[in-house]
Amino acid sequence: MAFRDRFDVVQPWISLVVRLAMAGILIAAAIPKLMDVPESIRAVRAYRLLPEAIVPLFGTMLPIFELLLALVLLLGLFTRLASIVWLVMIVGFMIGIIWAWAKGYSIDCGCFGGGGDVAPGTTNYPVHMLERTGFLLLGIWLVAFPRTPFSLDRWMAGKPEPTAA
């Protein structure tokens, strides 16, 4: 069996794992923020990047948006588009981290709950950037290879589920 044939068999299953991982990351990020919306707002405010007038709205709506995107990914609905939205979000988060780092702010990113100003020297921005780079790679994979089993995309296209060889 040629590499391309093997890849065609394995790719949908790898993409399924990537799609579910992305949904899981979004759920893990959204739940703590939804459980403490004022803390989510503090996390957004700590970046000192957005106008104060929209900080409360952004801090409140971000976890709701994350959950909605997670649901879309779990369902495998508009997978490529959902992956593009994921990429835009991750790039936005990376810009926020770079901004805080460049400005010398010492903040907890608030990515998975928490957030706000922290004691100087307690923030590890390189690790945050490495983590976001990994998230970026997941999104790039799914944009390139959105075909996954157990997805509404596949069902709506009338395609049978792939079989593992």
N, C-alpha and C. Protein backbone atom coordinates (compact mmCIF):
# COMPACT_ATOMS: atom_id res chain seq x y z
N MET A 1 0.85 -1.18 0.00
CA MET A 1 0.00 0.00 0.00
C MET A 1 0.90 1.24 0.00
N ALA A 2 0.67 2.15 -0.90
CA ALA A 2 1.46 3.36 -1.03
C ALA A 2 1.17 4.32 0.11
N PHE A 3 2.09 5.25 0.35
CA PHE A 3 1.94 6.22 1.43
C PHE A 3 0.62 6.98 1.29
N ARG A 4 0.32 7.43 0.08
CA ARG A 4 -0.91 8.21 -0.14
C ARG A 4 -2.15 7.39 0.23
N ASP A 5 -2.15 6.11 -0.12
CA ASP A 5 -3.28 5.26 0.22
C ASP A 5 -3.41 5.10 1.74
N ARG A 6 -2.27 4.89 2.40
CA ARG A 6 -2.30 4.75 3.87
C ARG A 6 -2.75 6.07 4.51
N PHE A 7 -2.23 7.19 3.99
CA PHE A 7 -2.62 8.50 4.52
C PHE A 7 -4.13 8.72 4.36
N ASP A 8 -4.68 8.35 3.21
CA ASP A 8 -6.11 8.53 2.96
C ASP A 8 -6.96 7.72 3.94
N VAL A 9 -6.43 6.60 4.42
CA VAL A 9 -7.15 5.78 5.40
C VAL A 9 -7.03 6.38 6.80
N VAL A 10 -5.85 6.84 7.15
CA VAL A 10 -5.57 7.30 8.52
C VAL A 10 -6.00 8.75 8.75
N GLN A 11 -5.90 9.59 7.72
CA GLN A 11 -6.17 11.02 7.88
C GLN A 11 -7.51 11.34 8.52
N PRO A 12 -8.62 10.73 8.11
CA PRO A 12 -9.89 11.10 8.75
C PRO A 12 -9.89 10.82 10.26
N TRP A 13 -9.21 9.78 10.67
CA TRP A 13 -9.18 9.42 12.09
C TRP A 13 -8.29 10.38 12.87
N ILE A 14 -7.18 10.80 12.28
CA ILE A 14 -6.33 11.81 12.91
C ILE A 14 -7.11 13.11 13.03
N SER A 15 -7.81 13.48 11.96
CA SER A 15 -8.60 14.71 11.98
C SER A 15 -9.72 14.63 13.01
N LEU A 16 -10.30 13.46 13.21
CA LEU A 16 -11.31 13.30 14.25
C LEU A 16 -10.72 13.59 15.63
N VAL A 17 -9.56 13.04 15.90
CA VAL A 17 -8.88 13.28 17.18
C VAL A 17 -8.58 14.77 17.34
N VAL A 18 -8.09 15.39 16.29
CA VAL A 18 -7.78 16.83 16.33
C VAL A 18 -9.05 17.64 16.58
N ARG A 19 -10.13 17.31 15.87
CA ARG A 19 -11.40 18.04 16.02
C ARG A 19 -11.92 17.92 17.45
N LEU A 20 -11.87 16.71 18.01
CA LEU A 20 -12.35 16.50 19.38
C LEU A 20 -11.43 17.16 20.40
N ALA A 21 -10.12 17.17 20.13
CA ALA A 21 -9.18 17.85 21.03
C ALA A 21 -9.45 19.35 21.05
N MET A 22 -9.69 19.92 19.89
CA MET A 22 -9.99 21.35 19.82
C MET A 22 -11.27 21.66 20.60
N ALA A 23 -12.29 20.84 20.44
CA ALA A 23 -13.54 21.04 21.19
C ALA A 23 -13.28 20.92 22.69
N GLY A 24 -12.49 19.94 23.08
CA GLY A 24 -12.17 19.76 24.50
C GLY A 24 -11.42 20.95 25.08
N ILE A 25 -10.48 21.49 24.32
CA ILE A 25 -9.72 22.67 24.76
C ILE A 25 -10.67 23.85 24.96
N LEU A 26 -11.58 24.04 24.02
CA LEU A 26 -12.54 25.14 24.14
C LEU A 26 -13.45 24.97 25.36
N ILE A 27 -13.90 23.76 25.60
CA ILE A 27 -14.76 23.51 26.76
C ILE A 27 -13.98 23.75 28.05
N ALA A 28 -12.73 23.26 28.10
CA ALA A 28 -11.89 23.46 29.28
C ALA A 28 -11.61 24.94 29.52
N ALA A 29 -11.56 25.73 28.45
CA ALA A 29 -11.33 27.17 28.58
C ALA A 29 -12.61 27.90 29.00
N ALA A 30 -13.75 27.47 28.49
CA ALA A 30 -15.00 28.20 28.70
C ALA A 30 -15.61 27.96 30.08
N ILE A 31 -15.60 26.74 30.56
CA ILE A 31 -16.31 26.42 31.80
C ILE A 31 -15.83 27.26 32.98
N PRO A 32 -14.52 27.35 33.25
CA PRO A 32 -14.11 28.18 34.39
C PRO A 32 -14.49 29.66 34.24
N LYS A 33 -14.46 30.16 33.01
CA LYS A 33 -14.85 31.55 32.78
C LYS A 33 -16.34 31.76 33.02
N LEU A 34 -17.14 30.79 32.61
CA LEU A 34 -18.59 30.89 32.84
C LEU A 34 -18.93 30.78 34.31
N MET A 35 -18.12 30.05 35.05
CA MET A 35 -18.37 29.88 36.48
C MET A 35 -17.99 31.14 37.27
N ASP A 36 -17.16 31.99 36.70
CA ASP A 36 -16.76 33.24 37.36
C ASP A 36 -16.58 34.32 36.30
N VAL A 37 -17.71 34.86 35.83
CA VAL A 37 -17.67 35.86 34.77
C VAL A 37 -16.91 37.12 35.20
N PRO A 38 -17.06 37.61 36.44
CA PRO A 38 -16.26 38.78 36.82
C PRO A 38 -14.75 38.53 36.70
N GLU A 39 -14.32 37.32 37.00
CA GLU A 39 -12.90 37.00 36.83
C GLU A 39 -12.51 36.98 35.35
N SER A 40 -13.40 36.49 34.51
CA SER A 40 -13.15 36.51 33.07
C SER A 40 -13.00 37.95 32.58
N ILE A 41 -13.82 38.82 33.09
CA ILE A 41 -13.74 40.24 32.71
C ILE A 41 -12.42 40.83 33.21
N ARG A 42 -12.01 40.48 34.44
CA ARG A 42 -10.71 40.96 34.97
C ARG A 42 -9.56 40.48 34.09
N ALA A 43 -9.66 39.23 33.61
CA ALA A 43 -8.60 38.68 32.75
C ALA A 43 -8.48 39.48 31.46
N VAL A 44 -9.62 39.80 30.86
CA VAL A 44 -9.61 40.60 29.62
C VAL A 44 -9.05 41.99 29.91
N ARG A 45 -9.48 42.58 31.02
CA ARG A 45 -9.03 43.93 31.38
C ARG A 45 -7.51 43.98 31.60
N ALA A 46 -6.93 42.92 32.14
CA ALA A 46 -5.51 42.89 32.48
C ALA A 46 -4.62 43.10 31.25
N TYR A 47 -5.09 42.74 30.09
CA TYR A 47 -4.28 42.91 28.87
C TYR A 47 -4.12 44.39 28.50
N ARG A 48 -5.08 45.22 28.96
CA ARG A 48 -5.04 46.65 28.64
C ARG A 48 -4.95 46.87 27.13
N LEU A 49 -5.69 46.06 26.41
CA LEU A 49 -5.63 46.07 24.95
C LEU A 49 -6.93 46.59 24.34
N LEU A 50 -8.05 46.29 24.96
CA LEU A 50 -9.36 46.70 24.43
C LEU A 50 -9.85 47.95 25.15
N PRO A 51 -10.67 48.73 24.48
CA PRO A 51 -11.28 49.88 25.17
C PRO A 51 -12.13 49.40 26.35
N GLU A 52 -12.05 50.10 27.46
CA GLU A 52 -12.77 49.69 28.68
C GLU A 52 -14.27 49.50 28.42
N ALA A 53 -14.83 50.27 27.52
CA ALA A 53 -16.27 50.19 27.24
C ALA A 53 -16.70 48.80 26.77
N ILE A 54 -15.79 48.07 26.09
CA ILE A 54 -16.19 46.75 25.58
C ILE A 54 -15.60 45.59 26.38
N VAL A 55 -14.75 45.88 27.37
CA VAL A 55 -14.13 44.82 28.16
C VAL A 55 -15.18 43.93 28.84
N PRO A 56 -16.20 44.49 29.53
CA PRO A 56 -17.20 43.61 30.17
C PRO A 56 -17.96 42.72 29.17
N LEU A 57 -18.31 43.28 28.04
CA LEU A 57 -19.02 42.50 27.02
C LEU A 57 -18.12 41.38 26.50
N PHE A 58 -16.88 41.71 26.18
CA PHE A 58 -15.95 40.71 25.65
C PHE A 58 -15.69 39.62 26.69
N GLY A 59 -15.44 40.01 27.93
CA GLY A 59 -15.18 39.03 28.99
C GLY A 59 -16.36 38.12 29.27
N THR A 60 -17.56 38.65 29.06
CA THR A 60 -18.79 37.86 29.27
C THR A 60 -19.08 36.95 28.09
N MET A 61 -18.90 37.47 26.89
CA MET A 61 -19.29 36.72 25.69
C MET A 61 -18.24 35.70 25.25
N LEU A 62 -16.97 35.92 25.58
CA LEU A 62 -15.92 35.01 25.13
C LEU A 62 -16.20 33.55 25.52
N PRO A 63 -16.52 33.25 26.78
CA PRO A 63 -16.75 31.83 27.10
C PRO A 63 -17.99 31.26 26.41
N ILE A 64 -18.98 32.08 26.18
CA ILE A 64 -20.18 31.61 25.47
C ILE A 64 -19.80 31.27 24.04
N PHE A 65 -19.03 32.15 23.41
CA PHE A 65 -18.56 31.90 22.04
C PHE A 65 -17.70 30.64 22.00
N GLU A 66 -16.81 30.47 22.99
CA GLU A 66 -15.96 29.27 23.03
C GLU A 66 -16.81 28.00 23.12
N LEU A 67 -17.85 28.03 23.94
CA LEU A 67 -18.73 26.85 24.04
C LEU A 67 -19.48 26.58 22.74
N LEU A 68 -19.95 27.63 22.09
CA LEU A 68 -20.65 27.45 20.81
C LEU A 68 -19.71 26.86 19.76
N LEU A 69 -18.50 27.37 19.70
CA LEU A 69 -17.53 26.83 18.74
C LEU A 69 -17.18 25.38 19.09
N ALA A 70 -17.08 25.06 20.37
CA ALA A 70 -16.83 23.68 20.79
C ALA A 70 -17.97 22.77 20.32
N LEU A 71 -19.21 23.23 20.46
CA LEU A 71 -20.36 22.43 20.01
C LEU A 71 -20.31 22.19 18.51
N VAL A 72 -19.99 23.21 17.75
CA VAL A 72 -19.88 23.07 16.29
C VAL A 72 -18.80 22.04 15.95
N LEU A 73 -17.66 22.10 16.64
CA LEU A 73 -16.59 21.13 16.40
C LEU A 73 -16.99 19.72 16.84
N LEU A 74 -17.65 19.61 17.98
CA LEU A 74 -18.09 18.28 18.43
C LEU A 74 -19.03 17.64 17.41
N LEU A 75 -19.90 18.45 16.85
CA LEU A 75 -20.86 17.94 15.86
C LEU A 75 -20.21 17.70 14.50
N GLY A 76 -19.04 18.29 14.28
CA GLY A 76 -18.40 18.17 12.97
C GLY A 76 -19.19 18.91 11.92
N LEU A 77 -19.67 20.08 12.28
CA LEU A 77 -20.51 20.88 11.40
C LEU A 77 -19.69 22.06 10.89
N PHE A 78 -19.63 22.22 9.58
CA PHE A 78 -18.83 23.29 8.97
C PHE A 78 -17.41 23.26 9.54
N THR A 79 -16.81 22.09 9.51
CA THR A 79 -15.53 21.86 10.18
C THR A 79 -14.43 22.79 9.69
N ARG A 80 -14.30 22.97 8.41
CA ARG A 80 -13.24 23.86 7.90
C ARG A 80 -13.47 25.30 8.38
N LEU A 81 -14.69 25.78 8.29
CA LEU A 81 -15.01 27.14 8.73
C LEU A 81 -14.77 27.28 10.24
N ALA A 82 -15.19 26.29 11.01
CA ALA A 82 -14.97 26.31 12.46
C ALA A 82 -13.47 26.35 12.77
N SER A 83 -12.69 25.65 11.98
CA SER A 83 -11.24 25.65 12.17
C SER A 83 -10.63 27.01 11.86
N ILE A 84 -11.17 27.68 10.86
CA ILE A 84 -10.70 29.03 10.53
C ILE A 84 -11.04 29.99 11.68
N VAL A 85 -12.24 29.86 12.23
CA VAL A 85 -12.61 30.69 13.38
C VAL A 85 -11.68 30.40 14.55
N TRP A 86 -11.38 29.12 14.78
CA TRP A 86 -10.42 28.72 15.82
C TRP A 86 -9.08 29.42 15.60
N LEU A 87 -8.59 29.39 14.36
CA LEU A 87 -7.30 30.00 14.05
C LEU A 87 -7.32 31.50 14.32
N VAL A 88 -8.39 32.16 13.95
CA VAL A 88 -8.50 33.60 14.20
C VAL A 88 -8.47 33.86 15.71
N MET A 89 -9.18 33.05 16.47
CA MET A 89 -9.17 33.20 17.93
C MET A 89 -7.77 32.98 18.50
N ILE A 90 -7.11 31.93 18.07
CA ILE A 90 -5.79 31.62 18.61
C ILE A 90 -4.80 32.73 18.25
N VAL A 91 -4.86 33.22 17.02
CA VAL A 91 -3.98 34.33 16.64
C VAL A 91 -4.29 35.56 17.50
N GLY A 92 -5.56 35.81 17.75
CA GLY A 92 -5.94 36.92 18.63
C GLY A 92 -5.38 36.75 20.04
N PHE A 93 -5.46 35.53 20.56
CA PHE A 93 -4.91 35.26 21.89
C PHE A 93 -3.39 35.43 21.88
N MET A 94 -2.75 34.98 20.81
CA MET A 94 -1.30 35.13 20.72
C MET A 94 -0.90 36.61 20.66
N ILE A 95 -1.66 37.40 19.93
CA ILE A 95 -1.40 38.84 19.88
C ILE A 95 -1.54 39.44 21.27
N GLY A 96 -2.55 39.00 22.01
CA GLY A 96 -2.73 39.48 23.38
C GLY A 96 -1.55 39.13 24.27
N ILE A 97 -1.06 37.92 24.15
CA ILE A 97 0.09 37.50 24.96
C ILE A 97 1.33 38.28 24.57
N ILE A 98 1.55 38.43 23.28
CA ILE A 98 2.71 39.20 22.81
C ILE A 98 2.62 40.64 23.30
N TRP A 99 1.44 41.22 23.24
CA TRP A 99 1.21 42.58 23.71
C TRP A 99 1.58 42.71 25.19
N ALA A 100 1.02 41.82 26.01
CA ALA A 100 1.29 41.87 27.45
C ALA A 100 2.78 41.69 27.73
N TRP A 101 3.39 40.77 27.03
CA TRP A 101 4.81 40.48 27.20
C TRP A 101 5.65 41.70 26.80
N ALA A 102 5.33 42.27 25.65
CA ALA A 102 6.09 43.43 25.15
C ALA A 102 5.92 44.65 26.06
N LYS A 103 4.75 44.80 26.64
CA LYS A 103 4.49 45.94 27.52
C LYS A 103 5.05 45.72 28.93
N GLY A 104 5.51 44.49 29.21
CA GLY A 104 6.06 44.21 30.53
C GLY A 104 5.01 43.94 31.59
N TYR A 105 3.79 43.65 31.17
CA TYR A 105 2.73 43.32 32.13
C TYR A 105 2.99 41.94 32.69
N SER A 106 2.68 41.77 33.94
CA SER A 106 2.75 40.45 34.56
C SER A 106 1.32 40.02 34.84
N ILE A 107 0.77 39.21 33.93
CA ILE A 107 -0.63 38.82 34.05
C ILE A 107 -0.78 37.31 33.90
N ASP A 108 -1.83 36.82 34.51
CA ASP A 108 -2.28 35.45 34.25
C ASP A 108 -3.17 35.59 33.02
N CYS A 109 -2.90 34.81 31.99
CA CYS A 109 -3.61 35.01 30.72
C CYS A 109 -5.12 34.82 30.84
N GLY A 110 -5.58 34.06 31.83
CA GLY A 110 -7.01 33.84 31.98
C GLY A 110 -7.57 32.87 30.95
N CYS A 111 -6.70 32.18 30.27
CA CYS A 111 -7.11 31.30 29.18
C CYS A 111 -8.01 30.16 29.66
N PHE A 112 -7.69 29.63 30.82
CA PHE A 112 -8.46 28.51 31.38
C PHE A 112 -8.97 28.89 32.76
N GLY A 113 -9.51 30.09 32.87
CA GLY A 113 -9.97 30.61 34.14
C GLY A 113 -8.88 31.46 34.77
N GLY A 114 -9.22 32.05 35.89
CA GLY A 114 -8.26 32.94 36.53
C GLY A 114 -8.09 34.19 35.70
N GLY A 115 -6.95 34.81 35.85
CA GLY A 115 -6.67 35.98 35.05
C GLY A 115 -6.48 37.22 35.88
N GLY A 116 -5.87 38.18 35.27
CA GLY A 116 -5.61 39.44 35.94
C GLY A 116 -4.14 39.61 36.23
N ASP A 117 -3.82 40.70 36.89
CA ASP A 117 -2.44 40.99 37.24
C ASP A 117 -1.95 40.01 38.30
N VAL A 118 -0.70 39.61 38.17
CA VAL A 118 -0.06 38.71 39.13
C VAL A 118 1.30 39.29 39.52
N ALA A 119 1.91 38.70 40.51
CA ALA A 119 3.21 39.18 40.97
C ALA A 119 4.23 39.12 39.83
N PRO A 120 5.09 40.13 39.74
CA PRO A 120 6.13 40.12 38.70
C PRO A 120 6.98 38.84 38.78
N GLY A 121 7.30 38.31 37.60
CA GLY A 121 8.14 37.12 37.53
C GLY A 121 7.37 35.80 37.63
N THR A 122 6.05 35.86 37.80
CA THR A 122 5.28 34.61 37.92
C THR A 122 4.66 34.17 36.60
N THR A 123 4.78 35.01 35.60
CA THR A 123 4.20 34.69 34.29
C THR A 123 5.29 34.10 33.39
N ASN A 124 4.93 33.04 32.67
CA ASN A 124 5.88 32.40 31.76
C ASN A 124 5.33 32.53 30.34
N TYR A 125 5.55 33.68 29.74
CA TYR A 125 5.02 33.94 28.40
C TYR A 125 5.54 32.98 27.33
N PRO A 126 6.81 32.56 27.37
CA PRO A 126 7.26 31.61 26.34
C PRO A 126 6.46 30.30 26.36
N VAL A 127 6.11 29.82 27.54
CA VAL A 127 5.31 28.59 27.63
C VAL A 127 3.92 28.83 27.06
N HIS A 128 3.33 29.99 27.37
CA HIS A 128 2.01 30.32 26.81
C HIS A 128 2.07 30.35 25.28
N MET A 129 3.13 30.95 24.74
CA MET A 129 3.26 31.04 23.29
C MET A 129 3.47 29.65 22.66
N LEU A 130 4.24 28.81 23.33
CA LEU A 130 4.45 27.45 22.83
C LEU A 130 3.14 26.68 22.81
N GLU A 131 2.36 26.82 23.87
CA GLU A 131 1.05 26.17 23.94
C GLU A 131 0.14 26.66 22.82
N ARG A 132 0.09 27.97 22.61
CA ARG A 132 -0.76 28.53 21.55
C ARG A 132 -0.27 28.11 20.17
N THR A 133 1.04 27.94 20.02
CA THR A 133 1.58 27.45 18.74
C THR A 133 1.06 26.04 18.47
N GLY A 134 1.02 25.21 19.50
CA GLY A 134 0.44 23.88 19.36
C GLY A 134 -1.02 23.95 18.96
N PHE A 135 -1.77 24.87 19.59
CA PHE A 135 -3.18 25.05 19.24
C PHE A 135 -3.32 25.52 17.79
N LEU A 136 -2.41 26.38 17.37
CA LEU A 136 -2.39 26.87 15.99
C LEU A 136 -2.19 25.71 15.01
N LEU A 137 -1.28 24.81 15.34
CA LEU A 137 -1.02 23.65 14.47
C LEU A 137 -2.24 22.74 14.37
N LEU A 138 -2.98 22.58 15.47
CA LEU A 138 -4.22 21.79 15.40
C LEU A 138 -5.18 22.40 14.40
N GLY A 139 -5.36 23.71 14.49
CA GLY A 139 -6.28 24.40 13.57
C GLY A 139 -5.84 24.31 12.13
N ILE A 140 -4.55 24.46 11.90
CA ILE A 140 -4.02 24.37 10.53
C ILE A 140 -4.28 22.97 9.97
N TRP A 141 -4.05 21.95 10.79
CA TRP A 141 -4.31 20.57 10.34
C TRP A 141 -5.76 20.42 9.91
N LEU A 142 -6.68 20.91 10.76
CA LEU A 142 -8.10 20.69 10.47
C LEU A 142 -8.59 21.55 9.31
N VAL A 143 -7.98 22.69 9.06
CA VAL A 143 -8.32 23.46 7.86
C VAL A 143 -7.90 22.68 6.62
N ALA A 144 -6.70 22.10 6.70
CA ALA A 144 -6.17 21.35 5.55
C ALA A 144 -6.89 20.02 5.36
N PHE A 145 -7.29 19.37 6.45
CA PHE A 145 -7.89 18.03 6.39
C PHE A 145 -9.16 17.98 7.25
N PRO A 146 -10.24 18.63 6.81
CA PRO A 146 -11.45 18.70 7.63
C PRO A 146 -12.31 17.43 7.60
N ARG A 147 -11.97 16.50 6.72
CA ARG A 147 -12.76 15.28 6.56
C ARG A 147 -12.59 14.38 7.78
N THR A 148 -13.68 14.17 8.54
CA THR A 148 -13.62 13.33 9.74
C THR A 148 -14.82 12.41 9.80
N PRO A 149 -14.63 11.26 10.44
CA PRO A 149 -15.80 10.41 10.67
C PRO A 149 -16.69 11.02 11.76
N PHE A 150 -17.89 10.51 11.84
CA PHE A 150 -18.84 10.93 12.86
C PHE A 150 -19.05 12.43 12.87
N SER A 151 -19.29 12.99 11.69
CA SER A 151 -19.50 14.43 11.58
C SER A 151 -20.78 14.71 10.82
N LEU A 152 -21.41 15.81 11.15
CA LEU A 152 -22.59 16.22 10.39
C LEU A 152 -22.20 16.63 8.97
N ASP A 153 -20.99 17.12 8.80
CA ASP A 153 -20.52 17.43 7.44
C ASP A 153 -20.60 16.19 6.56
N ARG A 154 -20.10 15.08 7.04
CA ARG A 154 -20.08 13.82 6.29
C ARG A 154 -21.51 13.33 6.06
N TRP A 155 -22.33 13.41 7.09
CA TRP A 155 -23.70 12.95 7.00
C TRP A 155 -24.49 13.78 5.98
N MET A 156 -24.30 15.13 6.02
CA MET A 156 -25.02 16.00 5.08
C MET A 156 -24.56 15.79 3.65
N ALA A 157 -23.30 15.38 3.47
CA ALA A 157 -22.79 15.10 2.12
C ALA A 157 -23.20 13.71 1.65
N GLY A 158 -23.82 12.93 2.53
CA GLY A 158 -24.25 11.59 2.17
C GLY A 158 -23.11 10.61 1.97
N LYS A 159 -21.99 10.83 2.67
CA LYS A 159 -20.83 9.96 2.52
C LYS A 159 -20.83 8.94 3.65
N PRO A 160 -20.44 7.70 3.34
CA PRO A 160 -20.36 6.69 4.40
C PRO A 160 -19.19 6.96 5.32
N GLU A 161 -19.27 6.42 6.51
CA GLU A 161 -18.16 6.54 7.45
C GLU A 161 -16.97 5.74 6.93
N PRO A 162 -15.74 6.26 7.12
CA PRO A 162 -14.57 5.51 6.68
C PRO A 162 -14.35 4.30 7.60
N THR A 163 -13.68 3.32 7.07
CA THR A 163 -13.34 2.16 7.87
C THR A 163 -11.84 2.14 8.09
N ALA A 164 -11.44 1.73 9.28
CA ALA A 164 -10.01 1.63 9.58
C ALA A 164 -9.47 0.38 8.89
N ALA A 165 -8.31 0.51 8.29
CA ALA A 165 -7.72 -0.62 7.58
C ALA A 165 -6.80 -1.39 8.48
